[in-house]
Amino acid sequence: MPEITRLSDGSDWIELDFVERQRTPEFAMRLGIQMHVARLSLSNTISILERLGVERSRTAVHNWVQKADLQPEGGASPNHVALDETVIRINDQQYWLYAAIDPETNIFLHIRLFSTYTTGLTEILLSELREKHDVETAVFLVDDAQWLQTALDRHDLDCRYERHGNRNVVERLFREIKRRTSSFSNTFNHVEPTTAESWLQALAVWWNRCQS
């Protein structure tokens, strides 16, 4: 299973500080988290773990992802920030996934899931983004969504309307997110919004690692 070996070798970035009892080998926990976040459903993930002699339930793997609390790293100083949102369905309800992306490095800077789209929620995203990264001199690339432009104006951040060019990276990464969630039919069923948000943030971390 050379493909599994490659995955396990590249999973040291997953911290396991949440582990209280060592019931599962650390390599198996890291591999389970990475496989589920990267591409596999819970059922397929536990099937591969079983081939490695590790028998765990779907719930166990799900809980590993949630407890790992993976978040995109801070400390970036981007020249541009592509800012946008897209619809994600949770239990047949619409939620809006906001993402701030550095188009020059193709990585997620910050990602959040909200129940709607408003100027106020965009300001929350921007406040969190400013705490994590140096974006004071960055040019924010947005579409014609007025709430995005208004929130940026209120934070005195430079904003430029752009439909194509560097802002296309947002659409590409949103398509990637929806492709990764295709096993859920782009819908998270029987989960809380915070659970879906944690999985999407973990996906962003995995994506960022693939770009480095």
N, C-alpha and C. Protein backbone atom coordinates (compact mmCIF):
# COMPACT_ATOMS: atom_id res chain seq x y z
N MET A 1 0.83 -1.20 0.00
CA MET A 1 0.00 0.00 0.00
C MET A 1 0.87 1.25 0.00
N PRO A 2 1.61 1.53 -1.06
CA PRO A 2 2.53 2.66 -1.09
C PRO A 2 1.84 3.98 -0.95
N GLU A 3 0.57 4.10 -1.48
CA GLU A 3 -0.12 5.38 -1.37
C GLU A 3 -0.45 5.70 0.07
N ILE A 4 -0.74 4.67 0.88
CA ILE A 4 -1.02 4.88 2.30
C ILE A 4 0.25 5.28 3.03
N THR A 5 1.36 4.68 2.66
CA THR A 5 2.64 5.04 3.28
C THR A 5 2.97 6.50 3.05
N ARG A 6 2.73 6.98 1.82
CA ARG A 6 3.02 8.39 1.51
C ARG A 6 2.15 9.31 2.33
N LEU A 7 0.88 8.94 2.51
CA LEU A 7 -0.02 9.77 3.31
C LEU A 7 0.43 9.82 4.75
N SER A 8 0.77 8.66 5.33
CA SER A 8 1.15 8.63 6.74
C SER A 8 2.45 9.38 6.98
N ASP A 9 3.36 9.35 6.02
CA ASP A 9 4.63 10.05 6.18
C ASP A 9 4.43 11.56 6.20
N GLY A 10 3.35 12.05 5.59
CA GLY A 10 3.14 13.48 5.49
C GLY A 10 2.06 14.01 6.41
N SER A 11 1.86 13.37 7.56
CA SER A 11 0.77 13.78 8.44
C SER A 11 1.25 14.28 9.80
N ASP A 12 2.55 14.58 9.93
CA ASP A 12 3.07 15.04 11.22
C ASP A 12 2.52 16.40 11.62
N TRP A 13 1.96 17.13 10.66
CA TRP A 13 1.38 18.44 10.95
C TRP A 13 0.09 18.36 11.74
N ILE A 14 -0.47 17.17 11.89
CA ILE A 14 -1.72 16.99 12.65
C ILE A 14 -1.37 16.76 14.11
N GLU A 15 -1.70 17.73 14.95
CA GLU A 15 -1.41 17.62 16.38
C GLU A 15 -2.44 16.73 17.07
N LEU A 16 -1.98 15.92 17.99
CA LEU A 16 -2.86 14.99 18.70
C LEU A 16 -2.88 15.30 20.20
N ASP A 17 -2.80 16.57 20.55
CA ASP A 17 -2.80 16.97 21.96
C ASP A 17 -4.10 16.60 22.66
N PHE A 18 -5.16 16.40 21.88
CA PHE A 18 -6.46 16.11 22.47
C PHE A 18 -6.57 14.68 22.99
N VAL A 19 -5.61 13.83 22.63
CA VAL A 19 -5.69 12.41 23.00
C VAL A 19 -5.47 12.25 24.49
N GLU A 20 -6.43 11.59 25.15
CA GLU A 20 -6.31 11.34 26.59
C GLU A 20 -5.91 9.89 26.88
N ARG A 21 -6.45 8.99 26.08
CA ARG A 21 -6.10 7.58 26.25
C ARG A 21 -5.56 7.06 24.92
N GLN A 22 -4.46 6.35 24.99
CA GLN A 22 -3.76 5.88 23.79
C GLN A 22 -4.38 4.56 23.32
N ARG A 23 -5.65 4.61 22.90
CA ARG A 23 -6.31 3.40 22.43
C ARG A 23 -5.98 3.12 20.96
N THR A 24 -5.58 4.14 20.23
CA THR A 24 -5.30 4.00 18.79
C THR A 24 -3.89 4.49 18.51
N PRO A 25 -3.10 3.76 17.72
CA PRO A 25 -1.76 4.24 17.35
C PRO A 25 -1.84 5.62 16.72
N GLU A 26 -0.88 6.48 17.06
CA GLU A 26 -0.92 7.85 16.56
C GLU A 26 -0.87 7.91 15.04
N PHE A 27 -0.09 7.02 14.41
CA PHE A 27 0.00 7.07 12.96
C PHE A 27 -1.37 6.78 12.34
N ALA A 28 -2.16 5.90 12.97
CA ALA A 28 -3.48 5.55 12.44
C ALA A 28 -4.45 6.72 12.61
N MET A 29 -4.36 7.43 13.73
CA MET A 29 -5.24 8.58 13.95
C MET A 29 -4.93 9.68 12.94
N ARG A 30 -3.63 9.97 12.76
CA ARG A 30 -3.25 11.00 11.79
C ARG A 30 -3.67 10.60 10.37
N LEU A 31 -3.46 9.34 10.04
CA LEU A 31 -3.82 8.87 8.72
C LEU A 31 -5.33 8.93 8.52
N GLY A 32 -6.10 8.55 9.54
CA GLY A 32 -7.55 8.61 9.44
C GLY A 32 -8.05 10.02 9.24
N ILE A 33 -7.49 10.96 9.99
CA ILE A 33 -7.88 12.37 9.84
C ILE A 33 -7.55 12.86 8.44
N GLN A 34 -6.33 12.58 8.00
CA GLN A 34 -5.90 13.08 6.70
C GLN A 34 -6.70 12.48 5.56
N MET A 35 -6.97 11.18 5.61
CA MET A 35 -7.73 10.55 4.54
C MET A 35 -9.14 11.10 4.46
N HIS A 36 -9.78 11.28 5.61
CA HIS A 36 -11.16 11.78 5.59
C HIS A 36 -11.21 13.21 5.11
N VAL A 37 -10.28 14.04 5.57
CA VAL A 37 -10.27 15.43 5.14
C VAL A 37 -9.92 15.56 3.65
N ALA A 38 -8.98 14.73 3.21
CA ALA A 38 -8.46 14.88 1.86
C ALA A 38 -9.42 14.37 0.79
N ARG A 39 -10.04 13.22 1.03
CA ARG A 39 -10.80 12.68 -0.10
C ARG A 39 -11.79 11.59 0.23
N LEU A 40 -11.70 10.93 1.37
CA LEU A 40 -12.49 9.73 1.60
C LEU A 40 -13.66 9.95 2.54
N SER A 41 -14.74 9.23 2.28
CA SER A 41 -15.87 9.22 3.22
C SER A 41 -15.44 8.51 4.50
N LEU A 42 -16.26 8.64 5.53
CA LEU A 42 -15.94 7.95 6.78
C LEU A 42 -15.91 6.44 6.58
N SER A 43 -16.85 5.92 5.79
CA SER A 43 -16.90 4.47 5.56
C SER A 43 -15.63 3.96 4.89
N ASN A 44 -15.18 4.67 3.87
CA ASN A 44 -13.95 4.25 3.18
C ASN A 44 -12.72 4.42 4.05
N THR A 45 -12.73 5.46 4.89
CA THR A 45 -11.60 5.68 5.79
C THR A 45 -11.44 4.54 6.78
N ILE A 46 -12.55 4.13 7.40
CA ILE A 46 -12.44 3.05 8.39
C ILE A 46 -12.11 1.73 7.71
N SER A 47 -12.52 1.58 6.44
CA SER A 47 -12.18 0.36 5.72
C SER A 47 -10.67 0.25 5.53
N ILE A 48 -10.02 1.36 5.18
CA ILE A 48 -8.57 1.34 5.00
C ILE A 48 -7.87 1.12 6.33
N LEU A 49 -8.36 1.76 7.38
CA LEU A 49 -7.76 1.54 8.70
C LEU A 49 -7.87 0.08 9.11
N GLU A 50 -8.99 -0.57 8.77
CA GLU A 50 -9.15 -1.98 9.09
C GLU A 50 -8.12 -2.83 8.35
N ARG A 51 -7.77 -2.44 7.13
CA ARG A 51 -6.74 -3.16 6.38
C ARG A 51 -5.38 -3.05 7.06
N LEU A 52 -5.22 -1.99 7.87
CA LEU A 52 -3.97 -1.81 8.61
C LEU A 52 -4.05 -2.43 10.00
N GLY A 53 -5.17 -3.12 10.28
CA GLY A 53 -5.32 -3.77 11.57
C GLY A 53 -5.87 -2.87 12.67
N VAL A 54 -6.41 -1.71 12.29
CA VAL A 54 -6.97 -0.77 13.27
C VAL A 54 -8.47 -0.68 13.05
N GLU A 55 -9.25 -1.20 13.97
CA GLU A 55 -10.71 -1.19 13.84
C GLU A 55 -11.30 -0.08 14.70
N ARG A 56 -11.86 0.91 14.02
CA ARG A 56 -12.52 2.03 14.71
C ARG A 56 -13.81 2.36 13.99
N SER A 57 -14.71 2.99 14.70
CA SER A 57 -16.02 3.31 14.13
C SER A 57 -15.98 4.61 13.33
N ARG A 58 -17.03 4.83 12.55
CA ARG A 58 -17.17 6.09 11.83
C ARG A 58 -17.18 7.26 12.81
N THR A 59 -17.87 7.06 13.94
CA THR A 59 -17.95 8.12 14.95
C THR A 59 -16.58 8.46 15.50
N ALA A 60 -15.74 7.46 15.70
CA ALA A 60 -14.39 7.71 16.23
C ALA A 60 -13.59 8.59 15.29
N VAL A 61 -13.60 8.26 14.00
CA VAL A 61 -12.84 9.06 13.02
C VAL A 61 -13.42 10.47 12.94
N HIS A 62 -14.73 10.57 12.93
CA HIS A 62 -15.38 11.88 12.92
C HIS A 62 -14.91 12.71 14.11
N ASN A 63 -14.87 12.10 15.29
CA ASN A 63 -14.46 12.82 16.49
C ASN A 63 -12.99 13.23 16.44
N TRP A 64 -12.14 12.41 15.83
CA TRP A 64 -10.73 12.79 15.69
C TRP A 64 -10.60 14.09 14.92
N VAL A 65 -11.34 14.19 13.82
CA VAL A 65 -11.27 15.40 12.99
C VAL A 65 -11.74 16.61 13.78
N GLN A 66 -12.84 16.45 14.51
CA GLN A 66 -13.38 17.57 15.27
C GLN A 66 -12.43 18.01 16.39
N LYS A 67 -11.89 17.04 17.12
CA LYS A 67 -11.05 17.36 18.27
C LYS A 67 -9.68 17.89 17.86
N ALA A 68 -9.23 17.54 16.67
CA ALA A 68 -7.93 18.05 16.20
C ALA A 68 -7.97 19.56 16.00
N ASP A 69 -9.17 20.11 15.75
CA ASP A 69 -9.37 21.57 15.66
C ASP A 69 -8.34 22.21 14.72
N LEU A 70 -8.27 21.71 13.51
CA LEU A 70 -7.31 22.23 12.54
C LEU A 70 -7.76 23.58 11.99
N GLN A 71 -6.85 24.54 11.98
CA GLN A 71 -7.12 25.89 11.51
C GLN A 71 -5.98 26.35 10.61
N PRO A 72 -6.29 27.10 9.53
CA PRO A 72 -5.21 27.67 8.73
C PRO A 72 -4.27 28.51 9.59
N GLU A 73 -2.97 28.38 9.36
CA GLU A 73 -1.98 29.10 10.16
C GLU A 73 -2.04 30.60 9.90
N GLY A 74 -1.58 31.38 10.88
CA GLY A 74 -1.53 32.83 10.74
C GLY A 74 -0.13 33.29 10.35
N GLY A 75 0.05 34.62 10.36
CA GLY A 75 1.38 35.18 10.13
C GLY A 75 1.70 35.56 8.71
N ALA A 76 0.72 35.49 7.79
CA ALA A 76 1.00 35.85 6.40
C ALA A 76 0.92 37.36 6.21
N SER A 77 1.60 37.85 5.17
CA SER A 77 1.55 39.27 4.80
C SER A 77 1.28 39.37 3.30
N PRO A 78 0.07 39.04 2.87
CA PRO A 78 -0.22 38.98 1.43
C PRO A 78 -0.32 40.37 0.80
N ASN A 79 0.03 40.44 -0.48
CA ASN A 79 -0.17 41.68 -1.24
C ASN A 79 -1.62 41.84 -1.68
N HIS A 80 -2.27 40.71 -1.95
CA HIS A 80 -3.67 40.70 -2.34
C HIS A 80 -4.42 39.66 -1.53
N VAL A 81 -5.69 39.90 -1.30
CA VAL A 81 -6.56 38.93 -0.64
C VAL A 81 -7.84 38.81 -1.47
N ALA A 82 -8.09 37.62 -1.99
CA ALA A 82 -9.33 37.37 -2.70
C ALA A 82 -10.39 36.98 -1.68
N LEU A 83 -11.51 37.70 -1.68
CA LEU A 83 -12.54 37.51 -0.66
C LEU A 83 -13.86 37.17 -1.35
N ASP A 84 -14.50 36.10 -0.89
CA ASP A 84 -15.75 35.70 -1.53
C ASP A 84 -16.51 34.75 -0.61
N GLU A 85 -17.72 34.36 -1.04
CA GLU A 85 -18.51 33.40 -0.30
C GLU A 85 -19.25 32.50 -1.27
N THR A 86 -19.64 31.31 -0.78
CA THR A 86 -20.42 30.38 -1.59
C THR A 86 -21.39 29.65 -0.68
N VAL A 87 -22.38 29.01 -1.28
CA VAL A 87 -23.43 28.35 -0.50
C VAL A 87 -23.04 26.90 -0.22
N ILE A 88 -23.19 26.49 1.03
CA ILE A 88 -23.04 25.11 1.47
C ILE A 88 -24.35 24.71 2.14
N ARG A 89 -24.85 23.53 1.86
CA ARG A 89 -26.12 23.09 2.46
C ARG A 89 -25.84 22.18 3.65
N ILE A 90 -26.53 22.47 4.76
CA ILE A 90 -26.43 21.66 5.96
C ILE A 90 -27.84 21.30 6.39
N ASN A 91 -28.15 20.01 6.40
CA ASN A 91 -29.49 19.56 6.76
C ASN A 91 -30.56 20.29 5.95
N ASP A 92 -30.31 20.43 4.64
CA ASP A 92 -31.24 21.06 3.70
C ASP A 92 -31.44 22.55 3.95
N GLN A 93 -30.56 23.16 4.73
CA GLN A 93 -30.59 24.60 4.94
C GLN A 93 -29.34 25.21 4.30
N GLN A 94 -29.49 26.43 3.79
CA GLN A 94 -28.36 27.11 3.17
C GLN A 94 -27.50 27.82 4.21
N TYR A 95 -26.19 27.66 4.07
CA TYR A 95 -25.22 28.40 4.86
C TYR A 95 -24.19 28.99 3.90
N TRP A 96 -23.55 30.05 4.34
CA TRP A 96 -22.60 30.73 3.47
C TRP A 96 -21.18 30.52 3.99
N LEU A 97 -20.37 29.93 3.12
CA LEU A 97 -18.96 29.71 3.43
C LEU A 97 -18.17 30.91 2.93
N TYR A 98 -17.57 31.65 3.86
CA TYR A 98 -16.71 32.80 3.53
C TYR A 98 -15.26 32.33 3.51
N ALA A 99 -14.51 32.82 2.53
CA ALA A 99 -13.09 32.46 2.47
C ALA A 99 -12.27 33.66 2.05
N ALA A 100 -11.12 33.82 2.70
CA ALA A 100 -10.11 34.80 2.32
C ALA A 100 -8.90 34.01 1.85
N ILE A 101 -8.45 34.29 0.63
CA ILE A 101 -7.41 33.49 -0.01
C ILE A 101 -6.31 34.39 -0.55
N ASP A 102 -5.07 33.96 -0.40
CA ASP A 102 -3.94 34.65 -1.01
C ASP A 102 -3.79 34.12 -2.44
N PRO A 103 -4.13 34.91 -3.45
CA PRO A 103 -4.09 34.40 -4.83
C PRO A 103 -2.68 34.13 -5.34
N GLU A 104 -1.68 34.68 -4.68
CA GLU A 104 -0.30 34.47 -5.13
C GLU A 104 0.29 33.14 -4.64
N THR A 105 -0.22 32.67 -3.51
CA THR A 105 0.26 31.39 -2.98
C THR A 105 -0.79 30.29 -3.08
N ASN A 106 -2.03 30.67 -3.42
CA ASN A 106 -3.11 29.71 -3.60
C ASN A 106 -3.51 29.04 -2.29
N ILE A 107 -3.38 29.75 -1.16
CA ILE A 107 -3.73 29.15 0.13
C ILE A 107 -4.85 29.91 0.80
N PHE A 108 -5.58 29.20 1.65
CA PHE A 108 -6.61 29.80 2.47
C PHE A 108 -5.95 30.56 3.62
N LEU A 109 -6.34 31.82 3.79
CA LEU A 109 -5.90 32.60 4.94
C LEU A 109 -6.86 32.44 6.11
N HIS A 110 -8.15 32.38 5.78
CA HIS A 110 -9.17 32.26 6.83
C HIS A 110 -10.44 31.73 6.18
N ILE A 111 -11.22 30.99 6.96
CA ILE A 111 -12.44 30.40 6.44
C ILE A 111 -13.47 30.31 7.56
N ARG A 112 -14.69 30.72 7.26
CA ARG A 112 -15.77 30.70 8.25
C ARG A 112 -17.08 30.33 7.59
N LEU A 113 -18.00 29.77 8.38
CA LEU A 113 -19.32 29.38 7.90
C LEU A 113 -20.36 30.16 8.69
N PHE A 114 -21.24 30.86 7.97
CA PHE A 114 -22.29 31.66 8.60
C PHE A 114 -23.66 31.26 8.07
N SER A 115 -24.68 31.57 8.85
CA SER A 115 -26.04 31.18 8.48
C SER A 115 -26.64 32.08 7.41
N THR A 116 -26.01 33.22 7.16
CA THR A 116 -26.49 34.14 6.13
C THR A 116 -25.33 35.02 5.68
N TYR A 117 -25.60 35.97 4.82
CA TYR A 117 -24.55 36.89 4.39
C TYR A 117 -25.00 38.31 4.72
N THR A 118 -24.21 39.00 5.51
CA THR A 118 -24.51 40.38 5.90
C THR A 118 -23.20 41.14 6.02
N THR A 119 -23.32 42.45 6.07
CA THR A 119 -22.13 43.28 6.29
C THR A 119 -21.52 42.99 7.66
N GLY A 120 -22.39 42.83 8.66
CA GLY A 120 -21.91 42.58 10.02
C GLY A 120 -21.10 41.30 10.13
N LEU A 121 -21.58 40.22 9.49
CA LEU A 121 -20.84 38.96 9.53
C LEU A 121 -19.53 39.07 8.76
N THR A 122 -19.54 39.82 7.67
CA THR A 122 -18.30 40.03 6.93
C THR A 122 -17.29 40.78 7.80
N GLU A 123 -17.77 41.71 8.61
CA GLU A 123 -16.87 42.43 9.51
C GLU A 123 -16.26 41.50 10.56
N ILE A 124 -17.04 40.51 11.03
CA ILE A 124 -16.49 39.53 11.96
C ILE A 124 -15.35 38.77 11.30
N LEU A 125 -15.57 38.34 10.06
CA LEU A 125 -14.53 37.65 9.31
C LEU A 125 -13.28 38.51 9.17
N LEU A 126 -13.47 39.78 8.83
CA LEU A 126 -12.33 40.67 8.64
C LEU A 126 -11.58 40.91 9.94
N SER A 127 -12.31 41.04 11.04
CA SER A 127 -11.65 41.23 12.35
C SER A 127 -10.78 40.04 12.69
N GLU A 128 -11.30 38.83 12.47
CA GLU A 128 -10.52 37.63 12.74
C GLU A 128 -9.33 37.52 11.80
N LEU A 129 -9.54 37.90 10.54
CA LEU A 129 -8.46 37.85 9.56
C LEU A 129 -7.33 38.80 9.95
N ARG A 130 -7.67 39.99 10.43
CA ARG A 130 -6.66 40.98 10.81
C ARG A 130 -5.89 40.53 12.05
N GLU A 131 -6.53 39.75 12.92
CA GLU A 131 -5.83 39.23 14.09
C GLU A 131 -4.80 38.17 13.71
N LYS A 132 -5.09 37.43 12.63
CA LYS A 132 -4.22 36.32 12.23
C LYS A 132 -3.12 36.74 11.26
N HIS A 133 -3.39 37.73 10.42
CA HIS A 133 -2.47 38.08 9.35
C HIS A 133 -2.27 39.59 9.25
N ASP A 134 -1.19 39.99 8.62
CA ASP A 134 -0.92 41.40 8.34
C ASP A 134 -1.52 41.73 6.98
N VAL A 135 -2.73 42.29 7.00
CA VAL A 135 -3.44 42.60 5.76
C VAL A 135 -3.73 44.10 5.62
N GLU A 136 -3.09 44.91 6.45
CA GLU A 136 -3.41 46.34 6.46
C GLU A 136 -3.12 47.02 5.13
N THR A 137 -2.09 46.57 4.42
CA THR A 137 -1.74 47.18 3.14
C THR A 137 -2.16 46.31 1.94
N ALA A 138 -2.84 45.22 2.21
CA ALA A 138 -3.25 44.32 1.13
C ALA A 138 -4.41 44.93 0.34
N VAL A 139 -4.50 44.57 -0.93
CA VAL A 139 -5.64 44.95 -1.77
C VAL A 139 -6.61 43.78 -1.79
N PHE A 140 -7.84 44.02 -1.35
CA PHE A 140 -8.85 42.97 -1.31
C PHE A 140 -9.60 42.93 -2.64
N LEU A 141 -9.63 41.77 -3.24
CA LEU A 141 -10.28 41.58 -4.53
C LEU A 141 -11.65 40.96 -4.29
N VAL A 142 -12.70 41.66 -4.72
CA VAL A 142 -14.07 41.21 -4.47
C VAL A 142 -14.89 41.31 -5.74
N ASP A 143 -16.07 40.65 -5.71
CA ASP A 143 -17.02 40.80 -6.82
C ASP A 143 -17.94 41.97 -6.50
N ASP A 144 -19.13 41.98 -7.06
CA ASP A 144 -20.02 43.14 -6.87
C ASP A 144 -20.92 43.01 -5.65
N ALA A 145 -20.62 42.08 -4.72
CA ALA A 145 -21.41 41.94 -3.50
C ALA A 145 -21.22 43.17 -2.61
N GLN A 146 -22.29 43.91 -2.40
CA GLN A 146 -22.17 45.18 -1.69
C GLN A 146 -21.75 45.00 -0.24
N TRP A 147 -22.20 43.90 0.40
CA TRP A 147 -21.86 43.71 1.82
C TRP A 147 -20.36 43.51 2.01
N LEU A 148 -19.70 42.92 1.04
CA LEU A 148 -18.25 42.76 1.14
C LEU A 148 -17.55 44.11 1.05
N GLN A 149 -17.96 44.91 0.07
CA GLN A 149 -17.33 46.21 -0.13
C GLN A 149 -17.59 47.15 1.05
N THR A 150 -18.82 47.11 1.58
CA THR A 150 -19.15 47.98 2.71
C THR A 150 -18.34 47.61 3.95
N ALA A 151 -18.20 46.31 4.22
CA ALA A 151 -17.43 45.86 5.38
C ALA A 151 -15.97 46.27 5.26
N LEU A 152 -15.41 46.15 4.06
CA LEU A 152 -14.02 46.55 3.84
C LEU A 152 -13.84 48.05 4.03
N ASP A 153 -14.80 48.84 3.56
CA ASP A 153 -14.74 50.29 3.76
C ASP A 153 -14.77 50.63 5.25
N ARG A 154 -15.60 49.95 6.01
CA ARG A 154 -15.70 50.22 7.44
C ARG A 154 -14.40 49.88 8.17
N HIS A 155 -13.66 48.92 7.65
CA HIS A 155 -12.38 48.54 8.25
C HIS A 155 -11.21 49.31 7.63
N ASP A 156 -11.53 50.24 6.74
CA ASP A 156 -10.51 51.07 6.09
C ASP A 156 -9.48 50.21 5.37
N LEU A 157 -9.97 49.18 4.69
CA LEU A 157 -9.11 48.29 3.93
C LEU A 157 -9.32 48.53 2.44
N ASP A 158 -8.25 48.46 1.68
CA ASP A 158 -8.29 48.75 0.25
C ASP A 158 -9.07 47.66 -0.48
N CYS A 159 -10.01 48.09 -1.31
CA CYS A 159 -10.91 47.16 -1.98
C CYS A 159 -10.90 47.43 -3.48
N ARG A 160 -10.85 46.35 -4.27
CA ARG A 160 -10.90 46.51 -5.72
C ARG A 160 -11.85 45.49 -6.32
N TYR A 161 -12.77 45.98 -7.14
CA TYR A 161 -13.70 45.09 -7.82
C TYR A 161 -12.98 44.36 -8.94
N GLU A 162 -13.10 43.05 -8.94
CA GLU A 162 -12.44 42.25 -9.97
C GLU A 162 -13.23 40.96 -10.18
N ARG A 163 -13.65 40.75 -11.40
CA ARG A 163 -14.42 39.54 -11.70
C ARG A 163 -13.55 38.38 -12.14
N HIS A 164 -12.40 38.69 -12.71
CA HIS A 164 -11.55 37.64 -13.25
C HIS A 164 -10.14 37.80 -12.65
N GLY A 165 -9.12 37.41 -13.38
CA GLY A 165 -7.76 37.58 -12.90
C GLY A 165 -7.50 36.84 -11.60
N ASN A 166 -6.84 37.53 -10.66
CA ASN A 166 -6.46 36.89 -9.39
C ASN A 166 -7.64 36.40 -8.58
N ARG A 167 -8.82 37.03 -8.75
CA ARG A 167 -9.96 36.61 -7.93
C ARG A 167 -10.50 35.25 -8.36
N ASN A 168 -10.13 34.81 -9.55
CA ASN A 168 -10.58 33.50 -10.02
C ASN A 168 -10.12 32.36 -9.12
N VAL A 169 -9.04 32.61 -8.36
CA VAL A 169 -8.55 31.56 -7.48
C VAL A 169 -9.61 31.17 -6.46
N VAL A 170 -10.44 32.13 -6.02
CA VAL A 170 -11.50 31.81 -5.06
C VAL A 170 -12.48 30.82 -5.67
N GLU A 171 -12.92 31.09 -6.89
CA GLU A 171 -13.86 30.20 -7.54
C GLU A 171 -13.26 28.81 -7.73
N ARG A 172 -11.98 28.76 -8.07
CA ARG A 172 -11.33 27.46 -8.25
C ARG A 172 -11.29 26.67 -6.95
N LEU A 173 -10.98 27.35 -5.86
CA LEU A 173 -10.90 26.64 -4.58
C LEU A 173 -12.28 26.27 -4.07
N PHE A 174 -13.28 27.12 -4.33
CA PHE A 174 -14.65 26.74 -3.97
C PHE A 174 -15.09 25.51 -4.75
N ARG A 175 -14.72 25.44 -6.03
CA ARG A 175 -15.05 24.24 -6.80
C ARG A 175 -14.35 23.01 -6.22
N GLU A 176 -13.11 23.21 -5.75
CA GLU A 176 -12.38 22.11 -5.14
C GLU A 176 -13.07 21.65 -3.86
N ILE A 177 -13.53 22.60 -3.04
CA ILE A 177 -14.25 22.25 -1.82
C ILE A 177 -15.49 21.42 -2.16
N LYS A 178 -16.24 21.87 -3.16
CA LYS A 178 -17.47 21.16 -3.51
C LYS A 178 -17.17 19.80 -4.12
N ARG A 179 -16.03 19.69 -4.80
CA ARG A 179 -15.64 18.38 -5.31
C ARG A 179 -15.28 17.45 -4.16
N ARG A 180 -14.58 17.99 -3.15
CA ARG A 180 -14.20 17.17 -2.01
C ARG A 180 -15.41 16.73 -1.20
N THR A 181 -16.47 17.54 -1.21
CA THR A 181 -17.67 17.18 -0.46
C THR A 181 -18.69 16.45 -1.33
N SER A 182 -18.27 16.01 -2.52
CA SER A 182 -19.21 15.36 -3.44
C SER A 182 -19.79 14.08 -2.84
N SER A 183 -19.04 13.43 -1.95
CA SER A 183 -19.57 12.22 -1.33
C SER A 183 -20.72 12.53 -0.40
N PHE A 184 -20.85 13.81 -0.02
CA PHE A 184 -21.99 14.24 0.79
C PHE A 184 -23.06 14.90 -0.08
N SER A 185 -22.90 14.82 -1.44
CA SER A 185 -23.77 15.55 -2.38
C SER A 185 -23.76 17.04 -2.06
N ASN A 186 -22.59 17.52 -1.64
CA ASN A 186 -22.40 18.92 -1.24
C ASN A 186 -23.35 19.31 -0.11
N THR A 187 -23.83 18.33 0.65
CA THR A 187 -24.73 18.58 1.76
C THR A 187 -24.22 17.81 2.98
N PHE A 188 -24.15 18.48 4.12
CA PHE A 188 -23.82 17.82 5.37
C PHE A 188 -25.13 17.46 6.06
N ASN A 189 -25.38 16.18 6.26
CA ASN A 189 -26.63 15.76 6.89
C ASN A 189 -26.39 15.33 8.33
N HIS A 190 -27.37 15.65 9.18
CA HIS A 190 -27.36 15.20 10.57
C HIS A 190 -26.13 15.70 11.32
N VAL A 191 -25.70 16.92 11.02
CA VAL A 191 -24.58 17.52 11.75
C VAL A 191 -24.94 18.95 12.12
N GLU A 192 -24.26 19.44 13.14
CA GLU A 192 -24.42 20.83 13.51
C GLU A 192 -23.56 21.71 12.59
N PRO A 193 -23.96 22.96 12.37
CA PRO A 193 -23.14 23.85 11.53
C PRO A 193 -21.69 23.96 12.01
N THR A 194 -21.48 23.96 13.33
CA THR A 194 -20.11 24.05 13.84
C THR A 194 -19.27 22.84 13.45
N THR A 195 -19.94 21.67 13.35
CA THR A 195 -19.25 20.46 12.93
C THR A 195 -18.82 20.57 11.47
N ALA A 196 -19.74 21.04 10.63
CA ALA A 196 -19.41 21.23 9.21
C ALA A 196 -18.30 22.26 9.05
N GLU A 197 -18.35 23.34 9.85
CA GLU A 197 -17.32 24.36 9.75
C GLU A 197 -15.95 23.79 10.13
N SER A 198 -15.90 22.97 11.17
CA SER A 198 -14.63 22.37 11.59
C SER A 198 -14.05 21.50 10.48
N TRP A 199 -14.92 20.73 9.80
CA TRP A 199 -14.44 19.88 8.72
C TRP A 199 -13.91 20.72 7.56
N LEU A 200 -14.62 21.80 7.24
CA LEU A 200 -14.19 22.67 6.14
C LEU A 200 -12.88 23.39 6.48
N GLN A 201 -12.71 23.78 7.73
CA GLN A 201 -11.45 24.41 8.13
C GLN A 201 -10.31 23.40 8.07
N ALA A 202 -10.58 22.15 8.45
CA ALA A 202 -9.56 21.11 8.34
C ALA A 202 -9.19 20.86 6.89
N LEU A 203 -10.20 20.89 6.01
CA LEU A 203 -9.93 20.75 4.58
C LEU A 203 -9.03 21.88 4.08
N ALA A 204 -9.27 23.11 4.58
CA ALA A 204 -8.44 24.25 4.19
C ALA A 204 -6.99 24.05 4.62
N VAL A 205 -6.80 23.50 5.82
CA VAL A 205 -5.44 23.24 6.31
C VAL A 205 -4.76 22.20 5.42
N TRP A 206 -5.47 21.13 5.10
CA TRP A 206 -4.90 20.10 4.23
C TRP A 206 -4.54 20.68 2.87
N TRP A 207 -5.44 21.51 2.32
CA TRP A 207 -5.16 22.14 1.02
C TRP A 207 -3.90 22.99 1.08
N ASN A 208 -3.79 23.79 2.14
CA ASN A 208 -2.61 24.65 2.28
C ASN A 208 -1.32 23.85 2.35
N ARG A 209 -1.38 22.71 3.04
CA ARG A 209 -0.19 21.86 3.12
C ARG A 209 0.21 21.34 1.74
N CYS A 210 -0.78 21.07 0.91
CA CYS A 210 -0.49 20.56 -0.43
C CYS A 210 0.16 21.61 -1.32
N GLN A 211 -0.01 22.89 -0.99
CA GLN A 211 0.55 23.96 -1.80
C GLN A 211 2.00 24.25 -1.43
N SER A 212 2.44 23.79 -0.26
CA SER A 212 3.79 24.11 0.20
C SER A 212 4.82 23.14 -0.35
